[in-house]
Amino acid sequence: MILWASLLVLAAPVSGPLVPISKSVISLQPPWTPVFRGEIVNLTCNGFRLYAPEKVEWYHVSSRRRNSSETMGNILEVRDSGEYRCRAPGSFLSNPVQLIFHPGYFILQAPYSVFEGDELVLRCQKRGKEKMTAVRYIWNGKVISNSSKSTDILIPQASLNNSGCYQCIGSLENAYVLKSNLRYIQIQELFSRPKVKITDSQPTEGNSVNLSCETQLPLERPDTRLHFVFFRDNGVLLSNWSRSPELQIAAIWKEDSGSYWCRAETVTSSVHKHSLPLEIHVQRIPVSGVLLEIQPQGDLVVEGETLVLVCSVAEGTGNITFSWHREDMEESLGKKSQRSQRAELEIPDIRESQAGSYYCAADNSYGLIQSEAVNVTVRSVPGNRGGLVAARATGGTLSTLLLAVALLFYCWHRRKPGTSSGQSLNPPPCAPTVLLSTGDGFLGDTTRSPASPGPREHPHPVCPAPVGLQLLYDNVHLKERNLVYSEIQIVQPGEEGAGVVTPSVASPPVSHTQLPAATVPWNL
């Protein structure tokens, strides 16, 4: 077992980062103290550098003298009691190590220094050839062990409670009893009780904070490995075990106020300690600057659109409850609670009856704050234009039918019986052949054949042969915005195609629709 007498890391201010400077360290072999007079103990001096130094300075102080020496290498053999120190190149002077070479016959040996969690071995040693038949160990005046098989006592994991005054009593074969020297053993802390620290003991809601679990290792055990864990209140776990003694909370809220503490433990779990609680009070900022905005922007919304009411606050932390209202309504339009300074409410398919003054309110437990009212005007959408188109198309079709009926009536009147052929040099017209649209996409045939000649009628046909009708329009769609044109051709008998008069009647829009033209003889 190697005894580390001391190790200290210092910081010297220089330009740039701090440069660590160490003390020299003395170790003993064998590690026990005291030893019998005449025995040899080897002291080893270790410096800041990892390799063995070429030359080491040694200092010995006893009750009678003070001297110094220098060795080639870092090992010094000693046989005298006293206080020893060393200094390796590039390091500071070590802490003192006290050695005792005991002149007695019966001694109690223990390690030079013992820390929490260490294995503590106590040895009862006797000079001479006599054998001990039994050994008792006394701690603070109480017998803690009485054995006839071993002269040693083992405490597997020493704790601070094991500190105290120890003594051993041996029984020899000849019934003699030997008592050792009294030896006070102080069990040292492996690391100090941890302490929780925070960057800000009264942080503002939503901000990040850093917690640290601070402890200190002893000078003799700088390489002890620890890991840490953090808790809140009655054991709420905030982190897993980690080699890092720090914990960052990205965003802390008022609900996180409470007692925080940490626990430090060796990786072997032999020693563990927890800190005292630290009270943390998280500060909340009341809401202010409540503002209501609408989307689409502006105060005019078209009926049928989605109205979005956006409520925001200029300041305020924590869980904010937003609510939306219309001035002519007692109940709110909706509520949302969230950790945000902005919230939205959608009103789909807005109607003209929903126009009015809107406002919103926000609260984070410090009181309700309202925004100024925003007047929303809803513009109504014009009526269904398809119905108007259909009405106009129907009116145009009826106009065409009425005109055709008038022409039929005219032809019928000219061919009325009793009319003398001499009354007119022109033959009577015959009924025109008219193809009319029935309104369902088909053409109806209303052709009238000429009557057989009567006794007073002209022996020859007086009406020209029916003229083939040309389809000008087809596929009437009443809901489209086009015009329907009705064309009537009037042809002079004997001069087909001459003197055509085309009156046109405009009607509602119809896409690519053809109505038949009526061929009517006309007296010129």
Protein backbone atom coordinates (compact mmCIF):
# COMPACT_ATOMS: atom_id res chain seq x y z
CA MET A 1 0.00 0.00 0.00
CA ILE A 2 1.36 3.38 -0.96
CA LEU A 3 0.78 6.32 1.35
CA TRP A 4 0.19 9.65 -0.32
CA ALA A 5 1.32 12.19 2.20
CA SER A 6 0.17 15.30 0.36
CA LEU A 7 -0.76 16.80 -2.95
CA LEU A 8 -1.85 20.35 -3.62
CA VAL A 9 -2.63 22.01 -6.94
CA LEU A 10 -2.12 25.76 -6.89
CA ALA A 11 -2.97 28.40 -9.45
CA ALA A 12 -0.49 31.08 -10.30
CA PRO A 13 -1.79 34.11 -12.23
CA VAL A 14 -0.06 34.37 -15.59
CA SER A 15 -1.06 35.74 -18.95
CA GLY A 16 -3.56 33.43 -20.54
CA PRO A 17 -4.93 30.35 -18.75
CA LEU A 18 -3.94 29.54 -15.19
CA VAL A 19 -0.96 27.21 -14.92
CA PRO A 20 -1.21 24.43 -12.30
CA ILE A 21 1.78 23.99 -9.98
CA SER A 22 1.94 20.98 -7.62
CA LYS A 23 3.53 20.08 -4.36
CA SER A 24 5.86 17.13 -4.06
CA VAL A 25 4.37 13.98 -2.55
CA ILE A 26 6.01 11.47 -0.12
CA SER A 27 4.95 7.83 -0.01
CA LEU A 28 6.07 5.13 2.50
CA GLN A 29 6.99 1.48 2.12
CA PRO A 30 5.97 -0.35 4.24
CA PRO A 31 2.98 1.94 4.82
CA TRP A 32 2.66 1.28 8.57
CA THR A 33 3.45 3.50 11.45
CA PRO A 34 4.97 3.18 13.98
CA VAL A 35 7.72 0.64 13.24
CA PHE A 36 10.20 -1.03 15.54
CA ARG A 37 13.48 0.70 16.10
CA GLY A 38 16.17 -0.71 13.81
CA GLU A 39 13.82 -1.34 10.90
CA ILE A 40 14.13 0.53 7.61
CA VAL A 41 11.46 2.62 5.86
CA ASN A 42 11.82 3.74 2.23
CA LEU A 43 10.51 7.23 1.41
CA THR A 44 9.68 8.05 -2.23
CA CYS A 45 9.39 11.65 -3.44
CA ASN A 46 7.16 12.25 -6.45
CA GLY A 47 7.02 15.57 -8.21
CA PHE A 48 4.86 17.25 -10.86
CA ARG A 49 6.51 15.30 -13.68
CA LEU A 50 5.48 11.71 -14.21
CA TYR A 51 9.03 10.37 -14.57
CA ALA A 52 11.41 9.95 -11.62
CA PRO A 53 13.46 13.10 -10.95
CA GLU A 54 17.27 12.92 -11.21
CA LYS A 55 17.93 14.80 -7.98
CA VAL A 56 15.71 15.38 -4.94
CA GLU A 57 16.23 17.59 -1.92
CA TRP A 58 15.38 16.04 1.49
CA TYR A 59 14.81 17.77 4.81
CA HIS A 60 14.84 15.98 8.19
CA VAL A 61 13.87 17.63 11.44
CA SER A 62 14.22 15.73 14.73
CA SER A 63 14.24 16.74 18.37
CA ARG A 64 18.00 16.98 18.30
CA ARG A 65 18.94 18.35 14.91
CA ARG A 66 17.86 19.73 11.56
CA ASN A 67 19.64 18.67 8.40
CA SER A 68 19.16 18.46 4.65
CA SER A 69 20.46 16.14 2.00
CA GLU A 70 20.29 15.45 -1.70
CA THR A 71 19.80 12.10 -3.37
CA MET A 72 20.33 10.85 -6.90
CA GLY A 73 16.90 9.56 -7.67
CA ASN A 74 13.78 9.95 -5.57
CA ILE A 75 14.14 7.24 -2.86
CA LEU A 76 15.55 7.79 0.62
CA GLU A 77 16.17 5.09 3.26
CA VAL A 78 15.49 6.25 6.82
CA ARG A 79 16.05 4.68 10.28
CA ASP A 80 15.47 7.66 12.54
CA SER A 81 12.28 9.13 13.94
CA GLY A 82 11.34 12.64 12.98
CA GLU A 83 9.65 14.84 10.38
CA TYR A 84 10.58 14.39 6.73
CA ARG A 85 10.01 16.59 3.68
CA CYS A 86 11.17 16.56 0.07
CA ARG A 87 11.25 18.78 -3.02
CA ALA A 88 11.44 17.42 -6.52
CA PRO A 89 12.59 19.57 -9.45
CA GLY A 90 9.75 21.79 -10.76
CA SER A 91 7.58 21.25 -7.64
CA PHE A 92 7.00 22.87 -4.29
CA LEU A 93 8.16 21.51 -0.91
CA SER A 94 6.03 18.58 0.27
CA ASN A 95 3.94 18.41 3.41
CA PRO A 96 5.67 16.81 6.43
CA VAL A 97 5.51 13.08 7.19
CA GLN A 98 5.99 12.03 10.83
CA LEU A 99 7.80 8.72 11.36
CA ILE A 100 8.17 6.90 14.69
CA PHE A 101 10.70 4.14 15.29
CA HIS A 102 9.33 2.62 18.49
CA PRO A 103 11.74 1.16 21.11
CA GLY A 104 9.01 -0.99 22.73
CA TYR A 105 8.31 -4.71 22.69
CA PHE A 106 4.63 -4.63 21.65
CA ILE A 107 3.07 -2.08 19.23
CA LEU A 108 -0.19 -1.35 17.41
CA GLN A 109 0.36 -0.50 13.72
CA ALA A 110 -2.08 1.37 11.42
CA PRO A 111 -1.84 3.14 8.05
CA TYR A 112 -0.47 6.66 8.22
CA SER A 113 -3.74 8.15 6.92
CA VAL A 114 -7.17 6.55 6.46
CA PHE A 115 -10.07 7.92 4.41
CA GLU A 116 -13.75 7.12 4.22
CA GLY A 117 -14.36 3.96 2.30
CA ASP A 118 -10.80 2.69 2.80
CA GLU A 119 -10.06 -0.74 4.11
CA LEU A 120 -8.72 -0.19 7.62
CA VAL A 121 -6.30 -2.86 8.89
CA LEU A 122 -4.95 -2.76 12.48
CA ARG A 123 -2.00 -5.01 13.40
CA CYS A 124 -0.74 -6.09 16.85
CA GLN A 125 3.02 -6.69 16.46
CA LYS A 126 5.39 -8.25 19.02
CA ARG A 127 9.15 -8.69 19.11
CA GLY A 128 10.59 -12.06 20.01
CA LYS A 129 9.69 -15.70 19.50
CA GLU A 130 6.85 -16.04 21.98
CA LYS A 131 3.52 -16.69 20.38
CA MET A 132 0.33 -14.92 21.29
CA THR A 133 -2.63 -17.11 22.10
CA ALA A 134 -5.29 -14.36 21.88
CA VAL A 135 -5.63 -10.71 20.91
CA ARG A 136 -8.27 -8.22 21.99
CA TYR A 137 -8.84 -4.85 20.32
CA ILE A 138 -10.15 -1.93 22.33
CA TRP A 139 -11.87 1.08 20.78
CA ASN A 140 -12.67 4.02 23.03
CA GLY A 141 -12.50 1.69 26.06
CA LYS A 142 -14.76 -1.01 24.53
CA VAL A 143 -13.72 -4.43 23.34
CA ILE A 144 -14.50 -4.69 19.63
CA SER A 145 -12.67 -7.92 18.87
CA ASN A 146 -11.38 -10.95 20.80
CA SER A 147 -9.73 -13.58 18.67
CA SER A 148 -7.31 -16.49 19.15
CA LYS A 149 -6.82 -17.06 15.42
CA SER A 150 -5.61 -13.71 14.07
CA THR A 151 -3.56 -10.84 15.34
CA ASP A 152 -5.11 -8.40 12.87
CA ILE A 153 -8.52 -6.71 12.70
CA LEU A 154 -10.14 -5.61 9.45
CA ILE A 155 -12.75 -2.88 8.95
CA PRO A 156 -13.80 -3.28 5.27
CA GLN A 157 -15.12 0.25 4.72
CA ALA A 158 -14.04 2.81 7.24
CA SER A 159 -16.38 5.66 8.09
CA LEU A 160 -16.06 8.80 10.14
CA ASN A 161 -17.69 6.93 13.02
CA ASN A 162 -14.68 4.62 13.19
CA SER A 163 -12.43 7.43 14.38
CA GLY A 164 -11.18 7.10 17.94
CA CYS A 165 -8.53 5.74 20.30
CA TYR A 166 -7.41 2.18 19.60
CA GLN A 167 -5.32 -0.28 21.65
CA CYS A 168 -4.57 -3.98 21.43
CA ILE A 169 -4.00 -6.46 24.28
CA GLY A 170 -2.18 -9.73 23.64
CA SER A 171 -2.08 -12.89 25.72
CA LEU A 172 1.05 -15.06 25.58
CA GLU A 173 1.42 -18.81 26.13
CA ASN A 174 2.97 -18.22 29.53
CA ALA A 175 -0.12 -16.25 30.58
CA TYR A 176 1.59 -12.94 30.26
CA VAL A 177 -0.54 -10.04 29.02
CA LEU A 178 0.91 -7.31 26.79
CA LYS A 179 -0.65 -3.90 26.13
CA SER A 180 0.25 -1.82 23.10
CA ASN A 181 0.61 1.88 22.82
CA LEU A 182 -2.58 3.95 22.49
CA ARG A 183 -3.09 5.04 18.91
CA TYR A 184 -5.61 7.71 17.90
CA ILE A 185 -6.85 7.11 14.36
CA GLN A 186 -8.70 9.88 12.56
CA ILE A 187 -10.77 8.73 9.60
CA GLN A 188 -10.59 11.57 7.08
CA GLU A 189 -13.27 12.69 4.67
CA LEU A 190 -12.79 11.36 1.17
CA PHE A 191 -14.61 14.42 -0.11
CA SER A 192 -16.41 17.25 1.59
CA ARG A 193 -20.18 17.44 1.88
CA PRO A 194 -21.46 18.69 -1.47
CA LYS A 195 -23.14 22.06 -1.79
CA VAL A 196 -25.71 23.06 -4.41
CA LYS A 197 -25.08 26.35 -6.16
CA ILE A 198 -27.15 28.12 -8.81
CA THR A 199 -26.31 30.93 -11.19
CA ASP A 200 -29.35 32.89 -9.95
CA SER A 201 -31.31 32.05 -6.81
CA GLN A 202 -34.30 34.07 -8.07
CA PRO A 203 -34.40 33.36 -11.79
CA THR A 204 -37.05 34.72 -14.13
CA GLU A 205 -39.50 32.32 -15.70
CA GLY A 206 -38.45 30.91 -19.05
CA ASN A 207 -34.74 31.55 -18.50
CA SER A 208 -32.12 28.84 -18.29
CA VAL A 209 -30.25 28.18 -15.05
CA ASN A 210 -27.16 26.15 -14.18
CA LEU A 211 -26.95 24.05 -11.05
CA SER A 212 -23.65 22.76 -9.69
CA CYS A 213 -22.87 20.20 -7.00
CA GLU A 214 -19.60 21.38 -5.51
CA THR A 215 -17.32 19.31 -3.32
CA GLN A 216 -13.58 19.07 -2.67
CA LEU A 217 -11.27 16.08 -2.72
CA PRO A 218 -8.48 15.76 -0.12
CA LEU A 219 -4.92 16.62 -1.02
CA GLU A 220 -3.90 12.97 -0.77
CA ARG A 221 -6.66 11.68 -3.09
CA PRO A 222 -6.94 14.01 -6.06
CA ASP A 223 -7.83 11.24 -8.52
CA THR A 224 -10.89 9.92 -6.69
CA ARG A 225 -13.72 9.38 -9.19
CA LEU A 226 -17.15 10.70 -8.26
CA HIS A 227 -20.50 10.96 -9.99
CA PHE A 228 -23.46 13.22 -9.23
CA VAL A 229 -27.25 13.37 -9.34
CA PHE A 230 -29.73 16.23 -8.69
CA PHE A 231 -33.11 16.25 -6.91
CA ARG A 232 -35.96 18.65 -6.10
CA ASP A 233 -38.19 18.70 -3.04
CA ASN A 234 -39.06 15.18 -1.84
CA GLY A 235 -36.85 13.21 -4.19
CA VAL A 236 -38.04 14.39 -7.64
CA LEU A 237 -35.23 13.18 -9.87
CA LEU A 238 -33.87 15.89 -12.16
CA SER A 239 -30.98 13.99 -13.76
CA ASN A 240 -29.33 10.63 -14.05
CA TRP A 241 -26.00 9.82 -12.50
CA SER A 242 -23.28 11.72 -14.31
CA ARG A 243 -19.58 12.36 -13.97
CA SER A 244 -20.33 16.05 -14.48
CA PRO A 245 -21.10 18.02 -11.30
CA GLU A 246 -23.28 20.48 -13.28
CA LEU A 247 -26.86 20.44 -14.54
CA GLN A 248 -28.43 22.90 -16.97
CA ILE A 249 -32.18 23.54 -16.88
CA ALA A 250 -33.04 24.97 -20.30
CA ALA A 251 -36.18 26.78 -19.09
CA ILE A 252 -37.33 27.09 -15.49
CA TRP A 253 -40.93 27.97 -14.54
CA LYS A 254 -42.71 29.20 -11.44
CA GLU A 255 -43.98 25.69 -10.82
CA ASP A 256 -40.33 24.62 -10.52
CA SER A 257 -39.81 26.69 -7.36
CA GLY A 258 -38.77 24.61 -4.38
CA SER A 259 -35.86 22.95 -2.58
CA TYR A 260 -33.00 21.64 -4.70
CA TRP A 261 -30.27 19.29 -3.52
CA CYS A 262 -27.66 16.98 -4.97
CA ARG A 263 -25.88 13.77 -4.12
CA ALA A 264 -22.24 12.84 -4.72
CA GLU A 265 -20.97 9.29 -4.64
CA THR A 266 -17.86 7.31 -5.47
CA VAL A 267 -18.14 5.13 -8.56
CA THR A 268 -17.78 2.10 -6.27
CA SER A 269 -20.70 3.41 -4.14
CA SER A 270 -18.54 3.03 -1.04
CA VAL A 271 -19.01 6.68 0.00
CA HIS A 272 -22.02 8.87 -0.74
CA LYS A 273 -23.14 12.24 0.59
CA HIS A 274 -25.95 14.68 -0.15
CA SER A 275 -26.06 18.43 0.12
CA LEU A 276 -28.27 20.63 2.22
CA PRO A 277 -31.37 21.91 0.37
CA LEU A 278 -31.23 25.18 -1.53
CA GLU A 279 -34.46 27.18 -1.88
CA ILE A 280 -35.07 28.56 -5.37
CA HIS A 281 -37.88 31.04 -6.03
CA VAL A 282 -38.75 31.52 -9.71
CA GLN A 283 -40.05 35.00 -10.56
CA ARG A 284 -43.05 35.46 -12.88
CA ILE A 285 -43.57 38.60 -15.01
CA PRO A 286 -47.23 39.73 -15.23
CA VAL A 287 -48.78 40.09 -18.68
CA SER A 288 -48.95 43.53 -20.27
CA GLY A 289 -49.42 45.07 -23.70
CA VAL A 290 -52.27 42.78 -24.83
CA LEU A 291 -52.96 43.25 -28.56
CA LEU A 292 -55.59 41.77 -30.88
CA GLU A 293 -54.91 41.45 -34.62
CA ILE A 294 -57.05 39.90 -37.33
CA GLN A 295 -56.18 37.94 -40.44
CA PRO A 296 -56.74 38.69 -43.28
CA GLN A 297 -55.32 42.07 -42.40
CA GLY A 298 -57.67 45.02 -42.32
CA ASP A 299 -61.10 45.33 -40.76
CA LEU A 300 -63.06 44.10 -43.84
CA VAL A 301 -63.69 40.37 -44.24
CA VAL A 302 -65.58 38.70 -47.08
CA GLU A 303 -68.44 36.48 -46.03
CA GLY A 304 -67.50 32.81 -46.12
CA GLU A 305 -63.80 33.37 -45.38
CA THR A 306 -61.98 32.18 -42.25
CA LEU A 307 -61.40 34.94 -39.70
CA VAL A 308 -58.28 34.46 -37.55
CA LEU A 309 -58.07 36.39 -34.26
CA VAL A 310 -54.45 36.69 -33.06
CA CYS A 311 -53.95 37.66 -29.40
CA SER A 312 -50.43 38.53 -28.19
CA VAL A 313 -48.76 40.09 -25.16
CA ALA A 314 -45.71 42.35 -25.10
CA GLU A 315 -44.58 40.94 -21.72
CA GLY A 316 -45.57 38.04 -19.55
CA THR A 317 -44.14 34.67 -18.58
CA GLY A 318 -45.44 31.31 -17.54
CA ASN A 319 -48.72 29.69 -18.43
CA ILE A 320 -50.87 32.41 -20.05
CA THR A 321 -54.62 31.94 -20.50
CA PHE A 322 -55.97 33.70 -23.63
CA SER A 323 -59.67 34.34 -24.26
CA TRP A 324 -61.52 35.96 -27.18
CA HIS A 325 -64.75 37.99 -26.92
CA ARG A 326 -67.31 39.92 -28.96
CA GLU A 327 -68.73 42.96 -27.25
CA ASP A 328 -72.38 42.00 -27.84
CA MET A 329 -71.92 38.53 -26.35
CA GLU A 330 -71.56 37.58 -22.68
CA GLU A 331 -69.77 34.27 -23.20
CA SER A 332 -66.27 34.09 -24.64
CA LEU A 333 -65.69 32.78 -28.14
CA GLY A 334 -62.90 30.49 -26.96
CA LYS A 335 -60.00 30.00 -24.52
CA LYS A 336 -56.46 28.67 -24.76
CA SER A 337 -53.86 28.18 -22.02
CA GLN A 338 -50.21 27.78 -23.04
CA ARG A 339 -46.65 28.85 -22.31
CA SER A 340 -46.51 31.29 -25.17
CA GLN A 341 -46.94 35.01 -25.69
CA ARG A 342 -49.16 34.50 -28.75
CA ALA A 343 -52.28 32.45 -29.48
CA GLU A 344 -54.78 32.23 -32.35
CA LEU A 345 -58.51 31.54 -32.65
CA GLU A 346 -60.11 30.67 -36.02
CA ILE A 347 -63.72 31.45 -36.95
CA PRO A 348 -64.43 29.50 -40.14
CA ASP A 349 -67.07 30.55 -42.67
CA ILE A 350 -67.65 34.01 -41.19
CA ARG A 351 -71.17 35.40 -41.77
CA GLU A 352 -72.44 38.94 -42.01
CA SER A 353 -74.31 38.47 -38.74
CA GLN A 354 -70.96 37.94 -36.96
CA ALA A 355 -69.68 41.43 -37.68
CA GLY A 356 -68.93 43.56 -34.66
CA SER A 357 -66.25 44.65 -32.18
CA TYR A 358 -63.86 41.93 -31.02
CA TYR A 359 -61.27 41.97 -28.22
CA CYS A 360 -59.10 39.46 -26.35
CA ALA A 361 -57.81 39.09 -22.79
CA ALA A 362 -54.76 37.44 -21.20
CA ASP A 363 -54.00 36.32 -17.65
CA ASN A 364 -51.07 34.51 -15.97
CA SER A 365 -52.47 34.54 -12.40
CA TYR A 366 -51.70 38.23 -11.85
CA GLY A 367 -55.03 39.57 -13.18
CA LEU A 368 -56.94 39.74 -16.46
CA ILE A 369 -55.66 42.29 -19.00
CA GLN A 370 -57.81 43.19 -22.03
CA SER A 371 -56.84 44.44 -25.45
CA GLU A 372 -58.47 47.31 -27.31
CA ALA A 373 -61.51 46.37 -29.39
CA VAL A 374 -61.13 45.82 -33.14
CA ASN A 375 -64.16 46.44 -35.36
CA VAL A 376 -64.71 43.69 -37.93
CA THR A 377 -66.93 44.36 -40.94
CA VAL A 378 -68.19 41.37 -42.95
CA ARG A 379 -69.05 42.05 -46.61
CA SER A 380 -71.88 39.92 -47.93
CA VAL A 381 -71.42 37.90 -51.14
CA PRO A 382 -73.71 38.81 -54.16
CA GLY A 383 -76.68 36.42 -54.81
CA ASN A 384 -76.46 33.35 -56.99
CA ARG A 385 -75.78 34.62 -60.53
CA GLY A 386 -76.65 31.23 -62.02
CA GLY A 387 -80.36 31.75 -61.30
CA LEU A 388 -80.33 35.10 -63.09
CA VAL A 389 -78.67 33.58 -66.13
CA ALA A 390 -81.23 30.79 -66.23
CA ALA A 391 -84.09 33.30 -66.02
CA ARG A 392 -82.69 35.35 -68.87
CA ALA A 393 -82.17 32.27 -71.04
CA THR A 394 -85.74 31.12 -70.39
CA GLY A 395 -87.03 34.59 -71.28
CA GLY A 396 -85.11 34.47 -74.57
CA THR A 397 -86.56 31.07 -75.43
CA LEU A 398 -90.12 32.27 -74.73
CA SER A 399 -89.56 35.30 -76.95
CA THR A 400 -88.53 33.01 -79.80
CA LEU A 401 -91.63 30.84 -79.31
CA LEU A 402 -93.96 33.85 -79.32
CA LEU A 403 -92.46 35.15 -82.57
CA ALA A 404 -92.90 31.76 -84.20
CA VAL A 405 -96.56 31.59 -83.10
CA ALA A 406 -97.17 35.06 -84.58
CA LEU A 407 -95.76 33.97 -87.94
CA LEU A 408 -97.91 30.84 -87.96
CA PHE A 409 -100.98 32.91 -87.22
CA TYR A 410 -100.13 35.25 -90.09
CA CYS A 411 -99.80 32.39 -92.59
CA TRP A 412 -103.03 30.83 -91.40
CA HIS A 413 -104.88 34.13 -91.86
CA ARG A 414 -103.66 34.54 -95.49
CA ARG A 415 -104.87 31.03 -96.41
CA LYS A 416 -108.29 31.47 -94.85
CA PRO A 417 -111.10 30.03 -97.15
CA GLY A 418 -113.19 32.53 -99.10
CA THR A 419 -110.36 34.73 -99.95
CA SER A 420 -110.42 35.46 -103.77
CA SER A 421 -107.35 35.05 -105.77
CA GLY A 422 -108.17 38.24 -107.49
CA GLN A 423 -107.97 40.18 -104.40
CA SER A 424 -104.27 40.01 -104.64
CA LEU A 425 -101.88 39.56 -107.44
CA ASN A 426 -99.60 37.71 -105.10
CA PRO A 427 -100.35 34.11 -104.13
CA PRO A 428 -101.10 33.46 -100.54
CA PRO A 429 -98.23 32.38 -98.53
CA CYS A 430 -98.12 28.91 -97.15
CA ALA A 431 -97.39 28.00 -93.61
CA PRO A 432 -93.71 28.22 -92.92
CA THR A 433 -91.72 25.27 -91.83
CA VAL A 434 -90.46 26.12 -88.38
CA LEU A 435 -88.21 24.00 -86.24
CA LEU A 436 -88.43 25.12 -82.63
CA SER A 437 -86.28 24.25 -79.68
CA THR A 438 -88.17 22.43 -76.94
CA GLY A 439 -85.73 23.63 -74.32
CA ASP A 440 -84.37 20.15 -73.67
CA GLY A 441 -81.72 20.07 -76.39
CA PHE A 442 -84.05 18.65 -79.16
CA LEU A 443 -85.74 20.40 -82.02
CA GLY A 444 -89.48 20.02 -82.46
CA ASP A 445 -91.02 19.89 -86.00
CA THR A 446 -94.01 22.20 -86.45
CA THR A 447 -94.12 22.05 -90.29
CA ARG A 448 -97.60 22.60 -91.84
CA SER A 449 -98.26 21.19 -95.31
CA PRO A 450 -100.10 23.48 -97.77
CA ALA A 451 -103.84 22.76 -98.27
CA SER A 452 -105.06 21.29 -101.56
CA PRO A 453 -106.24 23.90 -104.02
CA GLY A 454 -109.88 24.92 -103.79
CA PRO A 455 -112.16 25.88 -106.68
CA ARG A 456 -111.20 29.50 -106.51
CA GLU A 457 -107.61 29.02 -105.69
CA HIS A 458 -104.80 29.23 -108.11
CA PRO A 459 -104.23 25.90 -109.81
CA HIS A 460 -100.52 26.12 -109.27
CA PRO A 461 -98.73 26.07 -105.98
CA VAL A 462 -98.57 29.53 -104.72
CA CYS A 463 -96.04 28.81 -101.98
CA PRO A 464 -92.53 27.97 -102.73
CA ALA A 465 -91.20 24.62 -101.70
CA PRO A 466 -90.10 24.58 -98.10
CA VAL A 467 -86.61 25.90 -97.77
CA GLY A 468 -84.19 23.71 -95.81
CA LEU A 469 -83.56 25.23 -92.43
CA GLN A 470 -79.98 25.80 -91.30
CA LEU A 471 -79.10 25.15 -87.69
CA LEU A 472 -77.27 28.17 -86.39
CA TYR A 473 -77.13 27.36 -82.69
CA ASP A 474 -77.08 24.27 -80.56
CA ASN A 475 -76.48 23.05 -77.02
CA VAL A 476 -78.17 25.75 -75.01
CA HIS A 477 -76.75 26.09 -71.52
CA LEU A 478 -78.95 28.42 -69.58
CA LYS A 479 -76.43 29.09 -66.84
CA GLU A 480 -73.69 30.45 -69.09
CA ARG A 481 -73.26 34.11 -69.75
CA ASN A 482 -73.70 34.24 -73.61
CA LEU A 483 -76.35 35.53 -75.95
CA VAL A 484 -78.98 33.57 -77.88
CA TYR A 485 -79.68 34.87 -81.31
CA SER A 486 -82.93 33.91 -83.13
CA GLU A 487 -82.83 34.38 -86.89
CA ILE A 488 -85.90 34.48 -89.14
CA GLN A 489 -85.40 34.34 -92.90
CA ILE A 490 -88.15 35.69 -95.17
CA VAL A 491 -87.77 34.62 -98.79
CA GLN A 492 -89.64 36.11 -101.80
CA PRO A 493 -91.44 33.42 -103.86
CA GLY A 494 -89.50 32.58 -106.94
CA GLU A 495 -86.47 34.43 -105.77
CA GLU A 496 -85.13 32.20 -103.04
CA GLY A 497 -82.28 33.77 -101.20
CA ALA A 498 -83.14 37.27 -102.51
CA GLY A 499 -84.27 40.10 -100.30
CA VAL A 500 -83.55 38.45 -96.99
CA VAL A 501 -84.47 40.48 -93.95
CA THR A 502 -82.88 39.27 -90.70
CA PRO A 503 -84.33 40.74 -87.56
CA SER A 504 -82.40 39.63 -84.51
CA VAL A 505 -83.58 39.24 -80.97
CA ALA A 506 -80.95 39.37 -78.26
CA SER A 507 -81.44 37.14 -75.28
CA PRO A 508 -79.31 35.92 -72.39
CA PRO A 509 -75.94 34.35 -73.08
CA VAL A 510 -75.97 30.83 -74.46
CA SER A 511 -72.82 28.97 -75.55
CA HIS A 512 -72.78 27.77 -79.19
CA THR A 513 -76.57 27.31 -79.39
CA GLN A 514 -78.38 27.10 -82.72
CA LEU A 515 -82.08 27.71 -83.12
CA PRO A 516 -83.74 26.92 -86.49
CA ALA A 517 -84.63 29.78 -88.73
CA ALA A 518 -88.22 29.95 -90.01
CA THR A 519 -88.49 30.32 -93.77
CA VAL A 520 -91.47 32.60 -94.42
CA PRO A 521 -92.66 33.94 -97.82
CA TRP A 522 -93.19 37.65 -97.76
CA ASN A 523 -95.07 39.88 -100.17
CA LEU A 524 -92.90 42.69 -101.37
